[in-house]
All heavy atoms as atom14 arrays in JSON, in Angstrom:
{
  "sequence": "KGLHLESVDIARDARMRTIRINDFWRGVVLAPDDGSDTFLLV",
  "atom14_mask": [
    [1, 1, 1, 1, 1, 1, 1, 1, 1, 0, 0, 0, 0, 0],
    [1, 1, 1, 1, 0, 0, 0, 0, 0, 0, 0, 0, 0, 0],
    [1, 1, 1, 1, 1, 1, 1, 1, 0, 0, 0, 0, 0, 0],
    [1, 1, 1, 1, 1, 1, 1, 1, 1, 1, 0, 0, 0, 0],
    [1, 1, 1, 1, 1, 1, 1, 1, 0, 0, 0, 0, 0, 0],
    [1, 1, 1, 1, 1, 1, 1, 1, 1, 0, 0, 0, 0, 0],
    [1, 1, 1, 1, 1, 1, 0, 0, 0, 0, 0, 0, 0, 0],
    [1, 1, 1, 1, 1, 1, 1, 0, 0, 0, 0, 0, 0, 0],
    [1, 1, 1, 1, 1, 1, 1, 1, 0, 0, 0, 0, 0, 0],
    [1, 1, 1, 1, 1, 1, 1, 1, 0, 0, 0, 0, 0, 0],
    [1, 1, 1, 1, 1, 0, 0, 0, 0, 0, 0, 0, 0, 0],
    [1, 1, 1, 1, 1, 1, 1, 1, 1, 1, 1, 0, 0, 0],
    [1, 1, 1, 1, 1, 1, 1, 1, 0, 0, 0, 0, 0, 0],
    [1, 1, 1, 1, 1, 0, 0, 0, 0, 0, 0, 0, 0, 0],
    [1, 1, 1, 1, 1, 1, 1, 1, 1, 1, 1, 0, 0, 0],
    [1, 1, 1, 1, 1, 1, 1, 1, 0, 0, 0, 0, 0, 0],
    [1, 1, 1, 1, 1, 1, 1, 1, 1, 1, 1, 0, 0, 0],
    [1, 1, 1, 1, 1, 1, 1, 0, 0, 0, 0, 0, 0, 0],
    [1, 1, 1, 1, 1, 1, 1, 1, 0, 0, 0, 0, 0, 0],
    [1, 1, 1, 1, 1, 1, 1, 1, 1, 1, 1, 0, 0, 0],
    [1, 1, 1, 1, 1, 1, 1, 1, 0, 0, 0, 0, 0, 0],
    [1, 1, 1, 1, 1, 1, 1, 1, 0, 0, 0, 0, 0, 0],
    [1, 1, 1, 1, 1, 1, 1, 1, 0, 0, 0, 0, 0, 0],
    [1, 1, 1, 1, 1, 1, 1, 1, 1, 1, 1, 0, 0, 0],
    [1, 1, 1, 1, 1, 1, 1, 1, 1, 1, 1, 1, 1, 1],
    [1, 1, 1, 1, 1, 1, 1, 1, 1, 1, 1, 0, 0, 0],
    [1, 1, 1, 1, 0, 0, 0, 0, 0, 0, 0, 0, 0, 0],
    [1, 1, 1, 1, 1, 1, 1, 0, 0, 0, 0, 0, 0, 0],
    [1, 1, 1, 1, 1, 1, 1, 0, 0, 0, 0, 0, 0, 0],
    [1, 1, 1, 1, 1, 1, 1, 1, 0, 0, 0, 0, 0, 0],
    [1, 1, 1, 1, 1, 0, 0, 0, 0, 0, 0, 0, 0, 0],
    [1, 1, 1, 1, 1, 1, 1, 0, 0, 0, 0, 0, 0, 0],
    [1, 1, 1, 1, 1, 1, 1, 1, 0, 0, 0, 0, 0, 0],
    [1, 1, 1, 1, 1, 1, 1, 1, 0, 0, 0, 0, 0, 0],
    [1, 1, 1, 1, 0, 0, 0, 0, 0, 0, 0, 0, 0, 0],
    [1, 1, 1, 1, 1, 1, 0, 0, 0, 0, 0, 0, 0, 0],
    [1, 1, 1, 1, 1, 1, 1, 1, 0, 0, 0, 0, 0, 0],
    [1, 1, 1, 1, 1, 1, 1, 0, 0, 0, 0, 0, 0, 0],
    [1, 1, 1, 1, 1, 1, 1, 1, 1, 1, 1, 0, 0, 0],
    [1, 1, 1, 1, 1, 1, 1, 1, 0, 0, 0, 0, 0, 0],
    [1, 1, 1, 1, 1, 1, 1, 1, 0, 0, 0, 0, 0, 0],
    [1, 1, 1, 1, 1, 1, 1, 0, 0, 0, 0, 0, 0, 0]
  ],
  "atom14_positions": [
    [[14.37, 16.36, -3.21], [13.16, 17.13, -3.47], [12.76, 17.1, -4.96], [11.61, 17.3, -5.3], [13.38, 18.6, -3.05], [13.72, 18.78, -1.58], [12.53, 18.47, -0.7], [12.85, 18.83, 0.76], [11.71, 18.5, 1.65], [0.0, 0.0, 0.0], [0.0, 0.0, 0.0], [0.0, 0.0, 0.0], [0.0, 0.0, 0.0], [0.0, 0.0, 0.0]],
    [[13.75, 16.88, -5.82], [13.45, 16.89, -7.25], [12.71, 15.65, -7.71], [11.76, 15.72, -8.49], [0.0, 0.0, 0.0], [0.0, 0.0, 0.0], [0.0, 0.0, 0.0], [0.0, 0.0, 0.0], [0.0, 0.0, 0.0], [0.0, 0.0, 0.0], [0.0, 0.0, 0.0], [0.0, 0.0, 0.0], [0.0, 0.0, 0.0], [0.0, 0.0, 0.0]],
    [[13.15, 14.48, -7.25], [12.51, 13.24, -7.69], [11.17, 12.99, -6.99], [10.3, 12.32, -7.56], [13.45, 12.05, -7.43], [14.63, 11.92, -8.39], [15.52, 10.75, -7.97], [14.17, 11.73, -9.82], [0.0, 0.0, 0.0], [0.0, 0.0, 0.0], [0.0, 0.0, 0.0], [0.0, 0.0, 0.0], [0.0, 0.0, 0.0], [0.0, 0.0, 0.0]],
    [[11.02, 13.52, -5.79], [9.75, 13.34, -5.06], [9.38, 11.86, -4.97], [8.31, 11.45, -5.4], [8.61, 14.1, -5.74], [8.71, 15.59, -5.62], [8.39, 16.27, -4.47], [9.12, 16.53, -6.51], [8.58, 17.57, -4.66], [9.04, 17.75, -5.89], [0.0, 0.0, 0.0], [0.0, 0.0, 0.0], [0.0, 0.0, 0.0], [0.0, 0.0, 0.0]],
    [[10.27, 11.04, -4.42], [9.94, 9.63, -4.2], [8.9, 9.56, -3.08], [9.23, 9.76, -1.91], [11.2, 8.84, -3.84], [11.02, 7.33, -3.67], [10.67, 6.68, -5.01], [12.27, 6.71, -3.09], [0.0, 0.0, 0.0], [0.0, 0.0, 0.0], [0.0, 0.0, 0.0], [0.0, 0.0, 0.0], [0.0, 0.0, 0.0], [0.0, 0.0, 0.0]],
    [[7.66, 9.29, -3.43], [6.56, 9.38, -2.48], [5.82, 8.06, -2.36], [5.64, 7.34, -3.35], [5.57, 10.47, -2.92], [6.17, 11.86, -2.99], [5.19, 12.88, -3.54], [4.13, 12.45, -4.07], [5.47, 14.08, -3.45], [0.0, 0.0, 0.0], [0.0, 0.0, 0.0], [0.0, 0.0, 0.0], [0.0, 0.0, 0.0], [0.0, 0.0, 0.0]],
    [[5.33, 7.78, -1.17], [4.47, 6.61, -0.95], [3.1, 6.88, -1.57], [2.7, 8.04, -1.76], [4.32, 6.33, 0.54], [5.57, 6.05, 1.13], [0.0, 0.0, 0.0], [0.0, 0.0, 0.0], [0.0, 0.0, 0.0], [0.0, 0.0, 0.0], [0.0, 0.0, 0.0], [0.0, 0.0, 0.0], [0.0, 0.0, 0.0], [0.0, 0.0, 0.0]],
    [[2.4, 5.8, -1.87], [1.03, 5.91, -2.38], [0.11, 5.51, -1.23], [0.04, 4.34, -0.85], [0.82, 4.99, -3.61], [-0.62, 5.1, -4.11], [1.81, 5.37, -4.71], [0.0, 0.0, 0.0], [0.0, 0.0, 0.0], [0.0, 0.0, 0.0], [0.0, 0.0, 0.0], [0.0, 0.0, 0.0], [0.0, 0.0, 0.0], [0.0, 0.0, 0.0]],
    [[-0.57, 6.5, -0.66], [-1.31, 6.29, 0.59], [-2.32, 5.15, 0.5], [-2.49, 4.39, 1.45], [-2.01, 7.58, 1.0], [-1.01, 8.67, 1.39], [0.12, 8.31, 1.76], [-1.36, 9.86, 1.29], [0.0, 0.0, 0.0], [0.0, 0.0, 0.0], [0.0, 0.0, 0.0], [0.0, 0.0, 0.0], [0.0, 0.0, 0.0], [0.0, 0.0, 0.0]],
    [[-3.01, 5.03, -0.62], [-4.09, 4.05, -0.72], [-3.64, 2.77, -1.43], [-4.47, 1.96, -1.84], [-5.31, 4.65, -1.47], [-4.88, 5.15, -2.86], [-5.93, 5.77, -0.65], [-6.05, 5.65, -3.7], [0.0, 0.0, 0.0], [0.0, 0.0, 0.0], [0.0, 0.0, 0.0], [0.0, 0.0, 0.0], [0.0, 0.0, 0.0], [0.0, 0.0, 0.0]],
    [[-2.35, 2.57, -1.55], [-1.84, 1.42, -2.3], [-2.09, 0.12, -1.53], [-1.97, 0.06, -0.31], [-0.34, 1.57, -2.55], [0.0, 0.0, 0.0], [0.0, 0.0, 0.0], [0.0, 0.0, 0.0], [0.0, 0.0, 0.0], [0.0, 0.0, 0.0], [0.0, 0.0, 0.0], [0.0, 0.0, 0.0], [0.0, 0.0, 0.0], [0.0, 0.0, 0.0]],
    [[-2.44, -0.94, -2.27], [-2.59, -2.26, -1.68], [-1.24, -2.9, -1.43], [-1.13, -3.85, -0.65], [-3.45, -3.14, -2.6], [-4.85, -2.61, -2.83], [-5.67, -2.63, -1.55], [-5.92, -3.99, -1.14], [-6.99, -4.7, -1.54], [-7.88, -4.16, -2.34], [-7.16, -5.93, -1.11], [0.0, 0.0, 0.0], [0.0, 0.0, 0.0], [0.0, 0.0, 0.0]],
    [[-0.21, -2.44, -2.15], [1.16, -2.91, -1.95], [1.95, -1.76, -1.32], [2.16, -0.72, -1.94], [1.79, -3.32, -3.29], [3.1, -4.07, -3.13], [3.86, -3.74, -2.2], [3.37, -4.98, -3.95], [0.0, 0.0, 0.0], [0.0, 0.0, 0.0], [0.0, 0.0, 0.0], [0.0, 0.0, 0.0], [0.0, 0.0, 0.0], [0.0, 0.0, 0.0]],
    [[2.38, -1.95, -0.07], [3.03, -0.87, 0.67], [4.35, -0.43, 0.06], [4.88, 0.63, 0.42], [3.26, -1.33, 2.12], [0.0, 0.0, 0.0], [0.0, 0.0, 0.0], [0.0, 0.0, 0.0], [0.0, 0.0, 0.0], [0.0, 0.0, 0.0], [0.0, 0.0, 0.0], [0.0, 0.0, 0.0], [0.0, 0.0, 0.0], [0.0, 0.0, 0.0]],
    [[4.89, -1.2, -0.86], [6.18, -0.84, -1.47], [6.02, 0.1, -2.66], [7.01, 0.55, -3.23], [6.9, -2.11, -1.92], [7.24, -3.07, -0.79], [7.69, -4.42, -1.33], [6.62, -5.09, -2.07], [6.76, -6.26, -2.69], [7.93, -6.88, -2.66], [5.74, -6.8, -3.33], [0.0, 0.0, 0.0], [0.0, 0.0, 0.0], [0.0, 0.0, 0.0]],
    [[4.8, 0.39, -3.08], [4.56, 1.26, -4.22], [4.99, 2.69, -3.92], [4.67, 3.26, -2.88], [3.08, 1.25, -4.61], [2.63, -0.01, -5.32], [3.34, -0.15, -6.98], [2.34, -1.53, -7.61], [0.0, 0.0, 0.0], [0.0, 0.0, 0.0], [0.0, 0.0, 0.0], [0.0, 0.0, 0.0], [0.0, 0.0, 0.0], [0.0, 0.0, 0.0]],
    [[5.74, 3.28, -4.86], [6.16, 4.67, -4.78], [5.94, 5.33, -6.14], [5.82, 4.66, -7.16], [7.65, 4.78, -4.43], [8.07, 4.07, -3.16], [7.63, 4.82, -1.91], [8.2, 4.24, -0.71], [7.65, 3.23, -0.03], [6.5, 2.71, -0.45], [8.24, 2.74, 1.05], [0.0, 0.0, 0.0], [0.0, 0.0, 0.0], [0.0, 0.0, 0.0]],
    [[5.91, 6.65, -6.13], [5.93, 7.38, -7.39], [7.11, 8.35, -7.37], [7.55, 8.79, -6.29], [4.64, 8.18, -7.63], [4.52, 9.21, -6.64], [3.43, 7.28, -7.61], [0.0, 0.0, 0.0], [0.0, 0.0, 0.0], [0.0, 0.0, 0.0], [0.0, 0.0, 0.0], [0.0, 0.0, 0.0], [0.0, 0.0, 0.0], [0.0, 0.0, 0.0]],
    [[7.65, 8.65, -8.55], [8.7, 9.65, -8.67], [8.28, 10.68, -9.72], [7.53, 10.36, -10.65], [10.06, 9.04, -9.05], [9.96, 8.29, -10.39], [10.57, 8.13, -7.97], [11.31, 7.83, -10.91], [0.0, 0.0, 0.0], [0.0, 0.0, 0.0], [0.0, 0.0, 0.0], [0.0, 0.0, 0.0], [0.0, 0.0, 0.0], [0.0, 0.0, 0.0]],
    [[8.77, 11.87, -9.59], [8.39, 12.95, -10.49], [9.19, 12.89, -11.79], [10.42, 12.86, -11.75], [8.63, 14.3, -9.8], [8.18, 15.51, -10.61], [8.49, 16.79, -9.84], [7.97, 17.95, -10.52], [8.61, 18.61, -11.51], [9.81, 18.17, -11.9], [8.08, 19.67, -12.08], [0.0, 0.0, 0.0], [0.0, 0.0, 0.0], [0.0, 0.0, 0.0]],
    [[8.5, 12.87, -12.92], [9.15, 13.01, -14.23], [9.1, 14.47, -14.66], [10.1, 15.06, -15.03], [8.46, 12.11, -15.28], [8.47, 10.64, -14.82], [9.14, 12.27, -16.63], [9.83, 10.04, -14.59], [0.0, 0.0, 0.0], [0.0, 0.0, 0.0], [0.0, 0.0, 0.0], [0.0, 0.0, 0.0], [0.0, 0.0, 0.0], [0.0, 0.0, 0.0]],
    [[7.88, 15.05, -14.63], [7.69, 16.5, -14.8], [6.39, 16.86, -14.09], [5.87, 16.06, -13.31], [7.7, 16.9, -16.29], [6.61, 16.22, -17.1], [5.55, 15.85, -16.56], [6.84, 16.04, -18.38], [0.0, 0.0, 0.0], [0.0, 0.0, 0.0], [0.0, 0.0, 0.0], [0.0, 0.0, 0.0], [0.0, 0.0, 0.0], [0.0, 0.0, 0.0]],
    [[5.84, 18.02, -14.38], [4.64, 18.46, -13.66], [3.45, 17.54, -13.88], [2.54, 17.49, -13.04], [4.26, 19.88, -14.1], [5.25, 20.92, -13.58], [6.0, 20.59, -12.63], [5.29, 22.04, -14.12], [0.0, 0.0, 0.0], [0.0, 0.0, 0.0], [0.0, 0.0, 0.0], [0.0, 0.0, 0.0], [0.0, 0.0, 0.0], [0.0, 0.0, 0.0]],
    [[3.43, 16.83, -15.02], [2.24, 16.06, -15.37], [2.45, 14.55, -15.43], [1.5, 13.8, -15.59], [1.69, 16.55, -16.72], [1.35, 18.0, -16.74], [2.21, 18.92, -17.32], [0.19, 18.48, -16.14], [1.91, 20.27, -17.33], [-0.11, 19.83, -16.15], [0.74, 20.74, -16.75], [0.0, 0.0, 0.0], [0.0, 0.0, 0.0], [0.0, 0.0, 0.0]],
    [[3.69, 14.08, -15.3], [3.98, 12.66, -15.46], [4.71, 12.12, -14.23], [5.53, 12.81, -13.63], [4.83, 12.41, -16.71], [4.05, 12.66, -17.97], [3.87, 13.85, -18.62], [3.31, 11.69, -18.71], [3.07, 13.69, -19.72], [2.71, 12.36, -19.81], [3.09, 10.32, -18.58], [1.91, 11.72, -20.74], [2.3, 9.68, -19.51], [1.72, 10.37, -20.57]],
    [[4.39, 10.89, -13.89], [5.0, 10.22, -12.75], [5.46, 8.82, -13.16], [4.8, 8.15, -13.97], [4.0, 10.08, -11.59], [3.57, 11.38, -10.94], [4.72, 12.01, -10.18], [4.3, 13.21, -9.46], [4.28, 14.44, -9.98], [4.62, 14.6, -11.26], [3.91, 15.48, -9.27], [0.0, 0.0, 0.0], [0.0, 0.0, 0.0], [0.0, 0.0, 0.0]],
    [[6.56, 8.39, -12.58], [6.98, 7.01, -12.7], [6.48, 6.24, -11.49], [6.47, 6.76, -10.37], [0.0, 0.0, 0.0], [0.0, 0.0, 0.0], [0.0, 0.0, 0.0], [0.0, 0.0, 0.0], [0.0, 0.0, 0.0], [0.0, 0.0, 0.0], [0.0, 0.0, 0.0], [0.0, 0.0, 0.0], [0.0, 0.0, 0.0], [0.0, 0.0, 0.0]],
    [[6.05, 5.01, -11.7], [5.61, 4.15, -10.59], [6.74, 3.17, -10.31], [7.22, 2.47, -11.21], [4.32, 3.4, -10.94], [3.87, 2.55, -9.74], [3.22, 4.38, -11.32], [0.0, 0.0, 0.0], [0.0, 0.0, 0.0], [0.0, 0.0, 0.0], [0.0, 0.0, 0.0], [0.0, 0.0, 0.0], [0.0, 0.0, 0.0], [0.0, 0.0, 0.0]],
    [[7.17, 3.14, -9.04], [8.34, 2.36, -8.64], [7.96, 1.4, -7.52], [7.22, 1.77, -6.6], [9.48, 3.29, -8.16], [10.68, 2.49, -7.69], [9.88, 4.25, -9.27], [0.0, 0.0, 0.0], [0.0, 0.0, 0.0], [0.0, 0.0, 0.0], [0.0, 0.0, 0.0], [0.0, 0.0, 0.0], [0.0, 0.0, 0.0], [0.0, 0.0, 0.0]],
    [[8.49, 0.18, -7.62], [8.38, -0.76, -6.52], [9.68, -0.68, -5.73], [10.76, -0.98, -6.25], [8.16, -2.19, -7.05], [7.69, -3.22, -6.03], [6.29, -2.89, -5.55], [7.72, -4.61, -6.64], [0.0, 0.0, 0.0], [0.0, 0.0, 0.0], [0.0, 0.0, 0.0], [0.0, 0.0, 0.0], [0.0, 0.0, 0.0], [0.0, 0.0, 0.0]],
    [[9.56, -0.23, -4.47], [10.75, 0.02, -3.65], [10.97, -1.12, -2.67], [10.01, -1.71, -2.17], [10.58, 1.33, -2.89], [0.0, 0.0, 0.0], [0.0, 0.0, 0.0], [0.0, 0.0, 0.0], [0.0, 0.0, 0.0], [0.0, 0.0, 0.0], [0.0, 0.0, 0.0], [0.0, 0.0, 0.0], [0.0, 0.0, 0.0], [0.0, 0.0, 0.0]],
    [[12.23, -1.45, -2.38], [12.5, -2.54, -1.43], [12.1, -2.13, -0.02], [12.25, -0.97, 0.37], [14.01, -2.74, -1.55], [14.53, -1.41, -2.0], [13.47, -0.83, -2.88], [0.0, 0.0, 0.0], [0.0, 0.0, 0.0], [0.0, 0.0, 0.0], [0.0, 0.0, 0.0], [0.0, 0.0, 0.0], [0.0, 0.0, 0.0], [0.0, 0.0, 0.0]],
    [[11.59, -3.07, 0.76], [11.25, -2.81, 2.16], [12.09, -3.66, 3.11], [11.76, -3.82, 4.28], [9.77, -3.06, 2.41], [9.35, -4.49, 2.09], [10.21, -5.27, 1.64], [8.17, -4.81, 2.28], [0.0, 0.0, 0.0], [0.0, 0.0, 0.0], [0.0, 0.0, 0.0], [0.0, 0.0, 0.0], [0.0, 0.0, 0.0], [0.0, 0.0, 0.0]],
    [[13.2, -4.2, 2.56], [14.03, -5.11, 3.35], [15.45, -4.6, 3.52], [16.36, -5.35, 3.86], [14.06, -6.49, 2.69], [14.44, -6.41, 1.21], [14.85, -5.33, 0.76], [14.32, -7.44, 0.52], [0.0, 0.0, 0.0], [0.0, 0.0, 0.0], [0.0, 0.0, 0.0], [0.0, 0.0, 0.0], [0.0, 0.0, 0.0], [0.0, 0.0, 0.0]],
    [[15.65, -3.33, 3.23], [16.97, -2.76, 3.39], [17.88, -2.9, 2.19], [19.0, -2.39, 2.19], [0.0, 0.0, 0.0], [0.0, 0.0, 0.0], [0.0, 0.0, 0.0], [0.0, 0.0, 0.0], [0.0, 0.0, 0.0], [0.0, 0.0, 0.0], [0.0, 0.0, 0.0], [0.0, 0.0, 0.0], [0.0, 0.0, 0.0], [0.0, 0.0, 0.0]],
    [[17.43, -3.57, 1.12], [18.25, -3.72, -0.08], [18.16, -2.47, -0.94], [17.45, -1.51, -0.59], [17.79, -4.95, -0.88], [16.46, -4.78, -1.33], [0.0, 0.0, 0.0], [0.0, 0.0, 0.0], [0.0, 0.0, 0.0], [0.0, 0.0, 0.0], [0.0, 0.0, 0.0], [0.0, 0.0, 0.0], [0.0, 0.0, 0.0], [0.0, 0.0, 0.0]],
    [[18.86, -2.44, -2.06], [18.93, -1.21, -2.86], [18.43, -1.39, -4.29], [18.76, -0.59, -5.17], [20.36, -0.68, -2.87], [21.35, -1.68, -3.51], [20.91, -2.79, -3.84], [22.53, -1.33, -3.65], [0.0, 0.0, 0.0], [0.0, 0.0, 0.0], [0.0, 0.0, 0.0], [0.0, 0.0, 0.0], [0.0, 0.0, 0.0], [0.0, 0.0, 0.0]],
    [[17.65, -2.44, -4.58], [17.15, -2.68, -5.93], [15.73, -2.15, -6.07], [14.82, -2.58, -5.35], [17.19, -4.17, -6.28], [18.52, -4.65, -6.17], [16.69, -4.4, -7.7], [0.0, 0.0, 0.0], [0.0, 0.0, 0.0], [0.0, 0.0, 0.0], [0.0, 0.0, 0.0], [0.0, 0.0, 0.0], [0.0, 0.0, 0.0], [0.0, 0.0, 0.0]],
    [[15.54, -1.22, -7.0], [14.23, -0.62, -7.25], [13.75, -1.08, -8.64], [14.54, -1.23, -9.57], [14.32, 0.9, -7.23], [14.59, 1.48, -5.86], [15.86, 1.39, -5.28], [13.59, 2.12, -5.16], [16.12, 1.92, -4.03], [13.84, 2.65, -3.89], [15.1, 2.56, -3.34], [0.0, 0.0, 0.0], [0.0, 0.0, 0.0], [0.0, 0.0, 0.0]],
    [[12.44, -1.27, -8.76], [11.85, -1.72, -10.02], [10.91, -0.66, -10.56], [9.91, -0.3, -9.92], [11.08, -3.03, -9.8], [10.36, -3.61, -11.03], [11.38, -4.04, -12.09], [9.48, -4.8, -10.63], [0.0, 0.0, 0.0], [0.0, 0.0, 0.0], [0.0, 0.0, 0.0], [0.0, 0.0, 0.0], [0.0, 0.0, 0.0], [0.0, 0.0, 0.0]],
    [[11.23, -0.1, -11.72], [10.35, 0.86, -12.38], [9.3, 0.08, -13.16], [9.63, -0.68, -14.08], [11.15, 1.77, -13.32], [10.36, 2.92, -13.96], [9.85, 3.88, -12.9], [11.22, 3.67, -14.96], [0.0, 0.0, 0.0], [0.0, 0.0, 0.0], [0.0, 0.0, 0.0], [0.0, 0.0, 0.0], [0.0, 0.0, 0.0], [0.0, 0.0, 0.0]],
    [[8.02, 0.24, -12.78], [6.97, -0.62, -13.34], [6.05, 0.1, -14.31], [5.35, -0.54, -15.1], [6.13, -1.27, -12.22], [6.99, -2.2, -11.39], [5.46, -0.23, -11.33], [0.0, 0.0, 0.0], [0.0, 0.0, 0.0], [0.0, 0.0, 0.0], [0.0, 0.0, 0.0], [0.0, 0.0, 0.0], [0.0, 0.0, 0.0], [0.0, 0.0, 0.0]]
  ]
}
């Protein structure tokens, strides 16, 4: 619940996620969709 790894509903790339940094900042993450565990902070 703290990181809030969330999908981006209108994203053209279905792997796009955001995570919570604080109330006003978000990290944009490319998440694997193939079962692997490597995430890319973009």
